[in-house]
Amino acid sequence: MSMPYIIRVGLVSVLLGALGCTPVAVVTPLPPTVRQIAVLPPYRLGAADTQPTATESQLLGLPSRTIEDLLAQQARTHLQAKGFDVVGPAELKLATKD
């Protein structure tokens, strides 16, 4: 191996070592006035134009939940655990006019 190659490898190693020792950036918390949050439903293109049809699970009386519903519920749960005041789905439908 040539000397310039060894010097380059050494400099890159020193640089990466110095970057690895830098302190991690701390994310500041939100101000106390920003504690209420709403979990919006996902956007579906053309959802307003389609009429809801009865699925097989609705015909059998079983509850039907989509992946979007489950993700929204998990997001609400995690945000409440972090101390946010999460607006409920009923209040959200009323505010956004469904």
PDB file of N, CA and C in Angstrom:
ATOM      1  N   MET A   1       0.834  -1.175   0.000  1.00  0.00           N
ATOM      2  CA  MET A   1       0.000   0.000   0.000  1.00  0.00           C
ATOM      3  C   MET A   1       0.880   1.240   0.000  1.00  0.00           C
ATOM      4  N   SER A   2       0.376   2.265  -0.633  1.00  0.00           N
ATOM      5  CA  SER A   2       1.148   3.503  -0.721  1.00  0.00           C
ATOM      6  C   SER A   2       0.871   4.404   0.483  1.00  0.00           C
ATOM      7  N   MET A   3       1.767   5.291   0.763  1.00  0.00           N
ATOM      8  CA  MET A   3       1.671   6.174   1.914  1.00  0.00           C
ATOM      9  C   MET A   3       0.471   7.129   1.821  1.00  0.00           C
ATOM     10  N   PRO A   4       0.178   7.725   0.644  1.00  0.00           N
ATOM     11  CA  PRO A   4      -0.997   8.617   0.567  1.00  0.00           C
ATOM     12  C   PRO A   4      -2.303   7.881   0.890  1.00  0.00           C
ATOM     13  N   TYR A   5      -2.425   6.623   0.486  1.00  0.00           N
ATOM     14  CA  TYR A   5      -3.624   5.843   0.786  1.00  0.00           C
ATOM     15  C   TYR A   5      -3.780   5.654   2.293  1.00  0.00           C
ATOM     16  N   ILE A   6      -2.694   5.335   2.978  1.00  0.00           N
ATOM     17  CA  ILE A   6      -2.730   5.128   4.421  1.00  0.00           C
ATOM     18  C   ILE A   6      -3.084   6.435   5.136  1.00  0.00           C
ATOM     19  N   ILE A   7      -2.567   7.553   4.647  1.00  0.00           N
ATOM     20  CA  ILE A   7      -2.877   8.854   5.250  1.00  0.00           C
ATOM     21  C   ILE A   7      -4.357   9.184   5.058  1.00  0.00           C
ATOM     22  N   ARG A   8      -4.908   8.922   3.885  1.00  0.00           N
ATOM     23  CA  ARG A   8      -6.338   9.168   3.632  1.00  0.00           C
ATOM     24  C   ARG A   8      -7.206   8.315   4.539  1.00  0.00           C
ATOM     25  N   VAL A   9      -6.884   7.054   4.676  1.00  0.00           N
ATOM     26  CA  VAL A   9      -7.656   6.169   5.555  1.00  0.00           C
ATOM     27  C   VAL A   9      -7.582   6.668   6.994  1.00  0.00           C
ATOM     28  N   GLY A  10      -6.411   7.111   7.411  1.00  0.00           N
ATOM     29  CA  GLY A  10      -6.254   7.650   8.764  1.00  0.00           C
ATOM     30  C   GLY A  10      -7.080   8.902   8.986  1.00  0.00           C
ATOM     31  N   LEU A  11      -7.077   9.817   8.009  1.00  0.00           N
ATOM     32  CA  LEU A  11      -7.860  11.042   8.136  1.00  0.00           C
ATOM     33  C   LEU A  11      -9.363  10.768   8.164  1.00  0.00           C
ATOM     34  N   VAL A  12      -9.816   9.856   7.328  1.00  0.00           N
ATOM     35  CA  VAL A  12     -11.236   9.491   7.326  1.00  0.00           C
ATOM     36  C   VAL A  12     -11.614   8.848   8.655  1.00  0.00           C
ATOM     37  N   SER A  13     -10.747   8.016   9.204  1.00  0.00           N
ATOM     38  CA  SER A  13     -11.016   7.384  10.496  1.00  0.00           C
ATOM     39  C   SER A  13     -11.113   8.421  11.608  1.00  0.00           C
ATOM     40  N   VAL A  14     -10.205   9.382  11.604  1.00  0.00           N
ATOM     41  CA  VAL A  14     -10.240  10.446  12.613  1.00  0.00           C
ATOM     42  C   VAL A  14     -11.519  11.274  12.463  1.00  0.00           C
ATOM     43  N   LEU A  15     -11.897  11.588  11.247  1.00  0.00           N
ATOM     44  CA  LEU A  15     -13.105  12.363  11.005  1.00  0.00           C
ATOM     45  C   LEU A  15     -14.340  11.623  11.495  1.00  0.00           C
ATOM     46  N   LEU A  16     -14.456  10.347  11.145  1.00  0.00           N
ATOM     47  CA  LEU A  16     -15.618   9.566  11.580  1.00  0.00           C
ATOM     48  C   LEU A  16     -15.631   9.379  13.097  1.00  0.00           C
ATOM     49  N   GLY A  17     -14.472   9.227  13.690  1.00  0.00           N
ATOM     50  CA  GLY A  17     -14.394   9.119  15.148  1.00  0.00           C
ATOM     51  C   GLY A  17     -14.830  10.400  15.832  1.00  0.00           C
ATOM     52  N   ALA A  18     -14.431  11.545  15.280  1.00  0.00           N
ATOM     53  CA  ALA A  18     -14.833  12.835  15.848  1.00  0.00           C
ATOM     54  C   ALA A  18     -16.336  13.053  15.700  1.00  0.00           C
ATOM     55  N   LEU A  19     -16.899  12.651  14.569  1.00  0.00           N
ATOM     56  CA  LEU A  19     -18.338  12.782  14.374  1.00  0.00           C
ATOM     57  C   LEU A  19     -19.111  11.864  15.316  1.00  0.00           C
ATOM     58  N   GLY A  20     -18.567  10.718  15.613  1.00  0.00           N
ATOM     59  CA  GLY A  20     -19.228   9.785  16.518  1.00  0.00           C
ATOM     60  C   GLY A  20     -19.229  10.251  17.958  1.00  0.00           C
ATOM     61  N   CYS A  21     -18.331  11.141  18.307  1.00  0.00           N
ATOM     62  CA  CYS A  21     -18.234  11.633  19.684  1.00  0.00           C
ATOM     63  C   CYS A  21     -18.999  12.931  19.901  1.00  0.00           C
ATOM     64  N   THR A  22     -19.626  13.478  18.880  1.00  0.00           N
ATOM     65  CA  THR A  22     -20.362  14.728  19.057  1.00  0.00           C
ATOM     66  C   THR A  22     -21.647  14.468  19.822  1.00  0.00           C
ATOM     67  N   PRO A  23     -22.116  15.439  20.615  1.00  0.00           N
ATOM     68  CA  PRO A  23     -23.350  15.242  21.377  1.00  0.00           C
ATOM     69  C   PRO A  23     -24.553  15.171  20.452  1.00  0.00           C
ATOM     70  N   VAL A  24     -25.552  14.441  20.900  1.00  0.00           N
ATOM     71  CA  VAL A  24     -26.777  14.263  20.128  1.00  0.00           C
ATOM     72  C   VAL A  24     -27.652  15.495  20.309  1.00  0.00           C
ATOM     73  N   ALA A  25     -28.271  15.951  19.243  1.00  0.00           N
ATOM     74  CA  ALA A  25     -29.155  17.112  19.320  1.00  0.00           C
ATOM     75  C   ALA A  25     -30.383  16.765  20.142  1.00  0.00           C
ATOM     76  N   VAL A  26     -30.758  17.676  21.022  1.00  0.00           N
ATOM     77  CA  VAL A  26     -31.913  17.466  21.884  1.00  0.00           C
ATOM     78  C   VAL A  26     -33.103  18.182  21.269  1.00  0.00           C
ATOM     79  N   VAL A  27     -34.216  17.462  21.147  1.00  0.00           N
ATOM     80  CA  VAL A  27     -35.434  18.045  20.612  1.00  0.00           C
ATOM     81  C   VAL A  27     -36.174  18.717  21.764  1.00  0.00           C
ATOM     82  N   THR A  28     -36.453  19.993  21.602  1.00  0.00           N
ATOM     83  CA  THR A  28     -37.150  20.708  22.667  1.00  0.00           C
ATOM     84  C   THR A  28     -38.625  20.359  22.648  1.00  0.00           C
ATOM     85  N   PRO A  29     -39.266  20.293  23.812  1.00  0.00           N
ATOM     86  CA  PRO A  29     -40.692  19.966  23.839  1.00  0.00           C
ATOM     87  C   PRO A  29     -41.521  21.124  23.295  1.00  0.00           C
ATOM     88  N   LEU A  30     -42.738  20.802  22.913  1.00  0.00           N
ATOM     89  CA  LEU A  30     -43.639  21.831  22.407  1.00  0.00           C
ATOM     90  C   LEU A  30     -44.028  22.780  23.534  1.00  0.00           C
ATOM     91  N   PRO A  31     -44.380  24.009  23.208  1.00  0.00           N
ATOM     92  CA  PRO A  31     -44.835  24.923  24.253  1.00  0.00           C
ATOM     93  C   PRO A  31     -46.115  24.397  24.901  1.00  0.00           C
ATOM     94  N   PRO A  32     -46.399  24.805  26.145  1.00  0.00           N
ATOM     95  CA  PRO A  32     -47.580  24.265  26.833  1.00  0.00           C
ATOM     96  C   PRO A  32     -48.899  24.617  26.160  1.00  0.00           C
ATOM     97  N   THR A  33     -48.916  25.629  25.307  1.00  0.00           N
ATOM     98  CA  THR A  33     -50.165  25.978  24.627  1.00  0.00           C
ATOM     99  C   THR A  33     -50.497  25.014  23.500  1.00  0.00           C
ATOM    100  N   VAL A  34     -49.531  24.244  23.040  1.00  0.00           N
ATOM    101  CA  VAL A  34     -49.750  23.300  21.943  1.00  0.00           C
ATOM    102  C   VAL A  34     -49.810  21.903  22.537  1.00  0.00           C
ATOM    103  N   ARG A  35     -50.909  21.564  23.155  1.00  0.00           N
ATOM    104  CA  ARG A  35     -51.059  20.250  23.770  1.00  0.00           C
ATOM    105  C   ARG A  35     -52.289  19.511  23.252  1.00  0.00           C
ATOM    106  N   GLN A  36     -53.120  20.160  22.450  1.00  0.00           N
ATOM    107  CA  GLN A  36     -54.309  19.493  21.926  1.00  0.00           C
ATOM    108  C   GLN A  36     -54.053  19.145  20.467  1.00  0.00           C
ATOM    109  N   ILE A  37     -54.402  17.926  20.085  1.00  0.00           N
ATOM    110  CA  ILE A  37     -54.089  17.446  18.741  1.00  0.00           C
ATOM    111  C   ILE A  37     -55.244  16.576  18.250  1.00  0.00           C
ATOM    112  N   ALA A  38     -55.420  16.537  16.956  1.00  0.00           N
ATOM    113  CA  ALA A  38     -56.462  15.709  16.339  1.00  0.00           C
ATOM    114  C   ALA A  38     -55.811  14.746  15.367  1.00  0.00           C
ATOM    115  N   VAL A  39     -56.280  13.515  15.375  1.00  0.00           N
ATOM    116  CA  VAL A  39     -55.810  12.506  14.425  1.00  0.00           C
ATOM    117  C   VAL A  39     -56.831  12.462  13.299  1.00  0.00           C
ATOM    118  N   LEU A  40     -56.427  12.977  12.141  1.00  0.00           N
ATOM    119  CA  LEU A  40     -57.341  13.050  11.000  1.00  0.00           C
ATOM    120  C   LEU A  40     -57.410  11.715  10.272  1.00  0.00           C
ATOM    121  N   PRO A  41     -58.566  11.423   9.677  1.00  0.00           N
ATOM    122  CA  PRO A  41     -58.659  10.198   8.882  1.00  0.00           C
ATOM    123  C   PRO A  41     -57.828  10.325   7.621  1.00  0.00           C
ATOM    124  N   PRO A  42     -57.449   9.210   7.019  1.00  0.00           N
ATOM    125  CA  PRO A  42     -56.644   9.278   5.798  1.00  0.00           C
ATOM    126  C   PRO A  42     -57.460   9.838   4.634  1.00  0.00           C
ATOM    127  N   TYR A  43     -56.770  10.492   3.723  1.00  0.00           N
ATOM    128  CA  TYR A  43     -57.420  11.043   2.536  1.00  0.00           C
ATOM    129  C   TYR A  43     -57.624   9.932   1.515  1.00  0.00           C
ATOM    130  N   ARG A  44     -58.831   9.827   1.054  1.00  0.00           N
ATOM    131  CA  ARG A  44     -59.144   8.846   0.003  1.00  0.00           C
ATOM    132  C   ARG A  44     -59.704   9.598  -1.189  1.00  0.00           C
ATOM    133  N   LEU A  45     -59.026   9.517  -2.306  1.00  0.00           N
ATOM    134  CA  LEU A  45     -59.451  10.212  -3.516  1.00  0.00           C
ATOM    135  C   LEU A  45     -60.801   9.649  -3.967  1.00  0.00           C
ATOM    136  N   GLY A  46     -61.792  10.512  -4.104  1.00  0.00           N
ATOM    137  CA  GLY A  46     -63.108  10.092  -4.559  1.00  0.00           C
ATOM    138  C   GLY A  46     -63.942   9.415  -3.493  1.00  0.00           C
ATOM    139  N   ALA A  47     -63.575   9.519  -2.231  1.00  0.00           N
ATOM    140  CA  ALA A  47     -64.339   8.855  -1.174  1.00  0.00           C
ATOM    141  C   ALA A  47     -65.690   9.513  -0.975  1.00  0.00           C
ATOM    142  N   ALA A  48     -65.801  10.809  -1.260  1.00  0.00           N
ATOM    143  CA  ALA A  48     -67.073  11.505  -1.090  1.00  0.00           C
ATOM    144  C   ALA A  48     -68.072  11.092  -2.171  1.00  0.00           C
ATOM    145  N   ASP A  49     -67.568  10.638  -3.309  1.00  0.00           N
ATOM    146  CA  ASP A  49     -68.447  10.260  -4.414  1.00  0.00           C
ATOM    147  C   ASP A  49     -69.029   8.857  -4.264  1.00  0.00           C
ATOM    148  N   THR A  50     -68.396   8.012  -3.501  1.00  0.00           N
ATOM    149  CA  THR A  50     -68.829   6.627  -3.392  1.00  0.00           C
ATOM    150  C   THR A  50     -69.812   6.467  -2.250  1.00  0.00           C
ATOM    151  N   GLN A  51     -70.757   5.605  -2.445  1.00  0.00           N
ATOM    152  CA  GLN A  51     -71.736   5.287  -1.413  1.00  0.00           C
ATOM    153  C   GLN A  51     -71.258   4.064  -0.645  1.00  0.00           C
ATOM    154  N   PRO A  52     -71.404   4.060   0.685  1.00  0.00           N
ATOM    155  CA  PRO A  52     -70.976   2.883   1.433  1.00  0.00           C
ATOM    156  C   PRO A  52     -71.870   1.690   1.108  1.00  0.00           C
ATOM    157  N   THR A  53     -71.254   0.577   0.833  1.00  0.00           N
ATOM    158  CA  THR A  53     -71.991  -0.642   0.536  1.00  0.00           C
ATOM    159  C   THR A  53     -71.804  -1.618   1.686  1.00  0.00           C
ATOM    160  N   ALA A  54     -72.750  -2.487   1.853  1.00  0.00           N
ATOM    161  CA  ALA A  54     -72.692  -3.467   2.939  1.00  0.00           C
ATOM    162  C   ALA A  54     -71.682  -4.548   2.593  1.00  0.00           C
ATOM    163  N   THR A  55     -70.727  -4.733   3.467  1.00  0.00           N
ATOM    164  CA  THR A  55     -69.755  -5.793   3.260  1.00  0.00           C
ATOM    165  C   THR A  55     -70.261  -7.067   3.922  1.00  0.00           C
ATOM    166  N   GLU A  56     -69.563  -8.138   3.670  1.00  0.00           N
ATOM    167  CA  GLU A  56     -69.970  -9.418   4.233  1.00  0.00           C
ATOM    168  C   GLU A  56     -69.930  -9.399   5.760  1.00  0.00           C
ATOM    169  N   SER A  57     -68.917  -8.745   6.341  1.00  0.00           N
ATOM    170  CA  SER A  57     -68.827  -8.707   7.797  1.00  0.00           C
ATOM    171  C   SER A  57     -69.951  -7.866   8.393  1.00  0.00           C
ATOM    172  N   GLN A  58     -70.414  -6.827   7.676  1.00  0.00           N
ATOM    173  CA  GLN A  58     -71.528  -6.031   8.176  1.00  0.00           C
ATOM    174  C   GLN A  58     -72.821  -6.813   8.072  1.00  0.00           C
ATOM    175  N   LEU A  59     -72.948  -7.635   7.051  1.00  0.00           N
ATOM    176  CA  LEU A  59     -74.147  -8.433   6.908  1.00  0.00           C
ATOM    177  C   LEU A  59     -74.246  -9.476   8.011  1.00  0.00           C
ATOM    178  N   LEU A  60     -73.137  -9.984   8.470  1.00  0.00           N
ATOM    179  CA  LEU A  60     -73.131 -10.992   9.516  1.00  0.00           C
ATOM    180  C   LEU A  60     -73.186 -10.376  10.908  1.00  0.00           C
ATOM    181  N   GLY A  61     -73.149  -9.067  11.010  1.00  0.00           N
ATOM    182  CA  GLY A  61     -73.206  -8.408  12.298  1.00  0.00           C
ATOM    183  C   GLY A  61     -71.849  -8.283  12.978  1.00  0.00           C
ATOM    184  N   LEU A  62     -70.764  -8.602  12.258  1.00  0.00           N
ATOM    185  CA  LEU A  62     -69.433  -8.493  12.823  1.00  0.00           C
ATOM    186  C   LEU A  62     -68.923  -7.067  12.646  1.00  0.00           C
ATOM    187  N   PRO A  63     -68.139  -6.568  13.588  1.00  0.00           N
ATOM    188  CA  PRO A  63     -67.605  -5.218  13.411  1.00  0.00           C
ATOM    189  C   PRO A  63     -66.591  -5.189  12.279  1.00  0.00           C
ATOM    190  N   SER A  64     -66.666  -4.155  11.470  1.00  0.00           N
ATOM    191  CA  SER A  64     -65.703  -4.020  10.373  1.00  0.00           C
ATOM    192  C   SER A  64     -64.805  -2.833  10.672  1.00  0.00           C
ATOM    193  N   ARG A  65     -63.509  -3.085  10.721  1.00  0.00           N
ATOM    194  CA  ARG A  65     -62.525  -2.037  10.972  1.00  0.00           C
ATOM    195  C   ARG A  65     -61.458  -2.151   9.896  1.00  0.00           C
ATOM    196  N   THR A  66     -61.067  -1.010   9.411  1.00  0.00           N
ATOM    197  CA  THR A  66     -60.035  -0.985   8.388  1.00  0.00           C
ATOM    198  C   THR A  66     -58.674  -0.767   9.039  1.00  0.00           C
ATOM    199  N   ILE A  67     -57.646  -0.930   8.251  1.00  0.00           N
ATOM    200  CA  ILE A  67     -56.286  -0.672   8.726  1.00  0.00           C
ATOM    201  C   ILE A  67     -56.159   0.790   9.146  1.00  0.00           C
ATOM    202  N   GLU A  68     -56.803   1.691   8.384  1.00  0.00           N
ATOM    203  CA  GLU A  68     -56.748   3.112   8.723  1.00  0.00           C
ATOM    204  C   GLU A  68     -57.339   3.371  10.101  1.00  0.00           C
ATOM    205  N   ASP A  69     -58.459   2.689  10.434  1.00  0.00           N
ATOM    206  CA  ASP A  69     -59.072   2.849  11.751  1.00  0.00           C
ATOM    207  C   ASP A  69     -58.138   2.371  12.856  1.00  0.00           C
ATOM    208  N   LEU A  70     -57.489   1.244  12.635  1.00  0.00           N
ATOM    209  CA  LEU A  70     -56.573   0.715  13.643  1.00  0.00           C
ATOM    210  C   LEU A  70     -55.359   1.615  13.839  1.00  0.00           C
ATOM    211  N   LEU A  71     -54.811   2.144  12.740  1.00  0.00           N
ATOM    212  CA  LEU A  71     -53.664   3.043  12.839  1.00  0.00           C
ATOM    213  C   LEU A  71     -54.038   4.336  13.550  1.00  0.00           C
ATOM    214  N   ALA A  72     -55.232   4.865  13.257  1.00  0.00           N
ATOM    215  CA  ALA A  72     -55.677   6.089  13.928  1.00  0.00           C
ATOM    216  C   ALA A  72     -55.857   5.847  15.424  1.00  0.00           C
ATOM    217  N   GLN A  73     -56.405   4.695  15.795  1.00  0.00           N
ATOM    218  CA  GLN A  73     -56.578   4.369  17.210  1.00  0.00           C
ATOM    219  C   GLN A  73     -55.215   4.259  17.901  1.00  0.00           C
ATOM    220  N   GLN A  74     -54.245   3.620  17.265  1.00  0.00           N
ATOM    221  CA  GLN A  74     -52.916   3.499  17.846  1.00  0.00           C
ATOM    222  C   GLN A  74     -52.236   4.867  17.973  1.00  0.00           C
ATOM    223  N   ALA A  75     -52.430   5.723  16.972  1.00  0.00           N
ATOM    224  CA  ALA A  75     -51.852   7.068  17.036  1.00  0.00           C
ATOM    225  C   ALA A  75     -52.452   7.846  18.200  1.00  0.00           C
ATOM    226  N   ARG A  76     -53.774   7.746  18.375  1.00  0.00           N
ATOM    227  CA  ARG A  76     -54.419   8.421  19.511  1.00  0.00           C
ATOM    228  C   ARG A  76     -53.880   7.905  20.836  1.00  0.00           C
ATOM    229  N   THR A  77     -53.730   6.597  20.955  1.00  0.00           N
ATOM    230  CA  THR A  77     -53.245   5.996  22.199  1.00  0.00           C
ATOM    231  C   THR A  77     -51.828   6.459  22.522  1.00  0.00           C
ATOM    232  N   HIS A  78     -50.943   6.451  21.525  1.00  0.00           N
ATOM    233  CA  HIS A  78     -49.564   6.860  21.748  1.00  0.00           C
ATOM    234  C   HIS A  78     -49.461   8.349  22.083  1.00  0.00           C
ATOM    235  N   LEU A  79     -50.269   9.174  21.416  1.00  0.00           N
ATOM    236  CA  LEU A  79     -50.238  10.606  21.704  1.00  0.00           C
ATOM    237  C   LEU A  79     -50.762  10.902  23.104  1.00  0.00           C
ATOM    238  N   GLN A  80     -51.810  10.175  23.530  1.00  0.00           N
ATOM    239  CA  GLN A  80     -52.318  10.361  24.889  1.00  0.00           C
ATOM    240  C   GLN A  80     -51.281   9.924  25.910  1.00  0.00           C
ATOM    241  N   ALA A  81     -50.537   8.881  25.611  1.00  0.00           N
ATOM    242  CA  ALA A  81     -49.493   8.420  26.523  1.00  0.00           C
ATOM    243  C   ALA A  81     -48.372   9.456  26.644  1.00  0.00           C
ATOM    244  N   LYS A  82     -48.152  10.244  25.580  1.00  0.00           N
ATOM    245  CA  LYS A  82     -47.126  11.289  25.610  1.00  0.00           C
ATOM    246  C   LYS A  82     -47.618  12.578  26.267  1.00  0.00           C
ATOM    247  N   GLY A  83     -48.896  12.621  26.677  1.00  0.00           N
ATOM    248  CA  GLY A  83     -49.410  13.786  27.386  1.00  0.00           C
ATOM    249  C   GLY A  83     -50.215  14.755  26.545  1.00  0.00           C
ATOM    250  N   PHE A  84     -50.533  14.409  25.317  1.00  0.00           N
ATOM    251  CA  PHE A  84     -51.330  15.284  24.473  1.00  0.00           C
ATOM    252  C   PHE A  84     -52.812  15.074  24.766  1.00  0.00           C
ATOM    253  N   ASP A  85     -53.594  16.137  24.602  1.00  0.00           N
ATOM    254  CA  ASP A  85     -55.046  16.049  24.708  1.00  0.00           C
ATOM    255  C   ASP A  85     -55.565  15.759  23.306  1.00  0.00           C
ATOM    256  N   VAL A  86     -55.980  14.538  23.051  1.00  0.00           N
ATOM    257  CA  VAL A  86     -56.388  14.109  21.717  1.00  0.00           C
ATOM    258  C   VAL A  86     -57.886  14.326  21.553  1.00  0.00           C
ATOM    259  N   VAL A  87     -58.262  14.999  20.472  1.00  0.00           N
ATOM    260  CA  VAL A  87     -59.668  15.231  20.163  1.00  0.00           C
ATOM    261  C   VAL A  87     -60.277  13.908  19.720  1.00  0.00           C
ATOM    262  N   GLY A  88     -61.446  13.586  20.240  1.00  0.00           N
ATOM    263  CA  GLY A  88     -62.108  12.323  19.928  1.00  0.00           C
ATOM    264  C   GLY A  88     -62.631  12.268  18.503  1.00  0.00           C
ATOM    265  N   PRO A  89     -62.861  11.062  17.994  1.00  0.00           N
ATOM    266  CA  PRO A  89     -63.331  10.926  16.610  1.00  0.00           C
ATOM    267  C   PRO A  89     -64.696  11.579  16.380  1.00  0.00           C
ATOM    268  N   ALA A  90     -65.602  11.517  17.380  1.00  0.00           N
ATOM    269  CA  ALA A  90     -66.927  12.119  17.207  1.00  0.00           C
ATOM    270  C   ALA A  90     -66.811  13.641  17.091  1.00  0.00           C
ATOM    271  N   GLU A  91     -65.976  14.254  17.932  1.00  0.00           N
ATOM    272  CA  GLU A  91     -65.773  15.701  17.855  1.00  0.00           C
ATOM    273  C   GLU A  91     -65.106  16.088  16.546  1.00  0.00           C
ATOM    274  N   LEU A  92     -64.220  15.242  16.066  1.00  0.00           N
ATOM    275  CA  LEU A  92     -63.531  15.506  14.805  1.00  0.00           C
ATOM    276  C   LEU A  92     -64.507  15.463  13.636  1.00  0.00           C
ATOM    277  N   LYS A  93     -65.421  14.496  13.614  1.00  0.00           N
ATOM    278  CA  LYS A  93     -66.412  14.417  12.541  1.00  0.00           C
ATOM    279  C   LYS A  93     -67.330  15.635  12.560  1.00  0.00           C
ATOM    280  N   LEU A  94     -67.682  16.078  13.770  1.00  0.00           N
ATOM    281  CA  LEU A  94     -68.540  17.252  13.894  1.00  0.00           C
ATOM    282  C   LEU A  94     -67.821  18.506  13.400  1.00  0.00           C
ATOM    283  N   ALA A  95     -66.552  18.653  13.748  1.00  0.00           N
ATOM    284  CA  ALA A  95     -65.791  19.834  13.355  1.00  0.00           C
ATOM    285  C   ALA A  95     -65.495  19.875  11.860  1.00  0.00           C
ATOM    286  N   THR A  96     -65.255  18.705  11.262  1.00  0.00           N
ATOM    287  CA  THR A  96     -64.929  18.667   9.826  1.00  0.00           C
ATOM    288  C   THR A  96     -66.154  18.415   8.960  1.00  0.00           C
ATOM    289  N   LYS A  97     -67.320  18.343   9.571  1.00  0.00           N
ATOM    290  CA  LYS A  97     -68.586  18.075   8.863  1.00  0.00           C
ATOM    291  C   LYS A  97     -68.500  16.767   8.084  1.00  0.00           C
ATOM    292  N   ASP A  98     -68.018  15.750   8.763  1.00  0.00           N
ATOM    293  CA  ASP A  98     -67.875  14.378   8.252  1.00  0.00           C
ATOM    294  C   ASP A  98     -66.986  14.360   7.026  1.00  0.00           C
TER     295      ASP A  98
END
